[in-house]
Amino acid sequence: MQIDAAKVIELRSSRGWTQQHLADACAVSLRTIQRVEKDGFASQETVAALCSVYEIERQVIELDTIAKASTNNTLKPQRSPSWLDALPMLVTLLLGMAIGIGLTLWLTNR
């Protein structure tokens, strides 16, 4: 996954940490941190470790998220769910109850 290497460096430098200190805190190798800061690529696990150590959300360092947000300037507002969203589930529930009651009545009248 592509991440903002400059942001990772900035966060590390602002704490006065060496690359080795960050690697130890994230439980990854020094080479992994060097690669992240040089190339801006990291695995999901490394991103999760960085976010945990820095106490930040993934969106802060993920370039995929930043790029998607900038290319999709017209984000659609989320609508609140209505009872119509639950209608298929309600119909299934009522149908199941009707079948269950009908079957119970049929079996008791035998």
Protein backbone atom coordinates (compact mmCIF):
# COMPACT_ATOMS: atom_id res chain seq x y z
CA MET A 1 0.00 0.00 0.00
CA GLN A 2 1.29 3.44 -0.84
CA ILE A 3 1.72 5.81 2.06
CA ASP A 4 2.93 9.37 2.60
CA ALA A 5 6.62 8.80 3.37
CA ALA A 6 7.15 12.49 4.17
CA LYS A 7 4.41 12.31 6.81
CA VAL A 8 6.00 9.23 8.39
CA ILE A 9 9.36 11.03 8.51
CA GLU A 10 7.72 14.17 9.90
CA LEU A 11 5.95 12.22 12.65
CA ARG A 12 9.15 10.39 13.57
CA SER A 13 11.28 13.55 13.55
CA SER A 14 8.76 15.52 15.59
CA ARG A 15 9.19 12.95 18.37
CA GLY A 16 12.98 12.99 18.06
CA TRP A 17 13.05 9.28 17.25
CA THR A 18 15.63 7.47 15.17
CA GLN A 19 14.57 5.00 12.52
CA GLN A 20 15.73 2.22 14.83
CA HIS A 21 13.58 3.54 17.67
CA LEU A 22 10.53 3.59 15.38
CA ALA A 23 11.33 0.09 14.10
CA ASP A 24 11.54 -1.21 17.67
CA ALA A 25 8.30 0.50 18.66
CA CYS A 26 6.51 -1.00 15.62
CA ALA A 27 8.14 -4.42 16.04
CA VAL A 28 9.48 -4.34 12.48
CA SER A 29 13.01 -4.32 11.10
CA LEU A 30 15.08 -1.20 10.59
CA ARG A 31 15.16 -2.08 6.89
CA THR A 32 11.33 -1.95 6.78
CA ILE A 33 11.30 1.58 8.20
CA GLN A 34 14.05 2.64 5.79
CA ARG A 35 12.06 1.22 2.87
CA VAL A 36 8.84 2.90 4.05
CA GLU A 37 10.53 6.29 4.35
CA LYS A 38 12.39 5.93 1.04
CA ASP A 39 9.78 4.33 -1.24
CA GLY A 40 6.50 5.13 0.50
CA PHE A 41 5.26 1.54 0.36
CA ALA A 42 4.24 -0.56 3.35
CA SER A 43 2.27 -3.69 4.10
CA GLN A 44 -1.09 -3.53 5.84
CA GLU A 45 0.58 -4.80 9.02
CA THR A 46 3.29 -2.13 8.93
CA VAL A 47 0.72 0.61 8.35
CA ALA A 48 -1.30 -0.69 11.29
CA ALA A 49 1.82 -0.71 13.48
CA LEU A 50 2.76 2.83 12.44
CA CYS A 51 -0.75 4.09 13.16
CA SER A 52 -0.77 2.39 16.53
CA VAL A 53 2.62 3.77 17.56
CA TYR A 54 1.85 7.27 16.30
CA GLU A 55 -1.74 7.07 17.63
CA ILE A 56 -3.20 8.25 14.33
CA GLU A 57 -5.90 7.07 11.91
CA ARG A 58 -4.83 5.25 8.73
CA GLN A 59 -6.16 8.09 6.59
CA VAL A 60 -3.41 10.37 7.89
CA ILE A 61 -0.65 8.43 6.12
CA GLU A 62 -2.41 6.39 3.40
CA LEU A 63 -1.97 7.97 -0.03
CA ASP A 64 -4.73 5.77 -1.47
CA THR A 65 -7.22 7.40 0.90
CA ILE A 66 -5.84 10.89 0.23
CA ALA A 67 -5.95 10.35 -3.55
CA LYS A 68 -9.50 8.99 -3.47
CA ALA A 69 -10.70 11.94 -1.42
CA SER A 70 -9.04 14.48 -3.71
CA THR A 71 -10.27 12.89 -6.95
CA ASN A 72 -13.76 12.47 -5.58
CA ASN A 73 -14.45 16.05 -4.53
CA THR A 74 -18.19 15.54 -4.78
CA LEU A 75 -18.68 13.03 -2.03
CA LYS A 76 -22.31 12.04 -1.71
CA PRO A 77 -23.81 12.67 1.69
CA GLN A 78 -24.94 9.56 3.48
CA ARG A 79 -28.69 9.29 3.87
CA SER A 80 -30.13 8.00 7.07
CA PRO A 81 -31.80 4.60 6.83
CA SER A 82 -35.57 4.48 6.65
CA TRP A 83 -38.10 1.74 7.33
CA LEU A 84 -38.04 0.93 3.60
CA ASP A 85 -34.46 -0.32 4.00
CA ALA A 86 -35.72 -2.90 6.51
CA LEU A 87 -38.77 -3.91 4.43
CA PRO A 88 -37.25 -7.03 2.83
CA MET A 89 -36.18 -8.29 6.24
CA LEU A 90 -39.61 -7.55 7.71
CA VAL A 91 -41.38 -9.38 4.90
CA THR A 92 -39.12 -12.41 5.37
CA LEU A 93 -39.69 -12.36 9.12
CA LEU A 94 -43.49 -12.10 8.78
CA LEU A 95 -43.58 -14.80 6.11
CA GLY A 96 -41.53 -17.09 8.33
CA MET A 97 -43.82 -16.43 11.27
CA ALA A 98 -46.92 -17.11 9.16
CA ILE A 99 -45.48 -20.39 7.91
CA GLY A 100 -44.48 -21.37 11.45
CA ILE A 101 -47.92 -20.59 12.87
CA GLY A 102 -49.68 -22.34 9.99
CA LEU A 103 -47.50 -25.41 10.37
CA THR A 104 -48.08 -25.47 14.14
CA LEU A 105 -51.86 -25.23 13.67
CA TRP A 106 -51.83 -27.94 11.00
CA LEU A 107 -49.82 -30.30 13.18
CA THR A 108 -51.99 -29.72 16.26
CA ASN A 109 -55.24 -30.36 14.32
CA ARG A 110 -54.07 -33.70 12.89
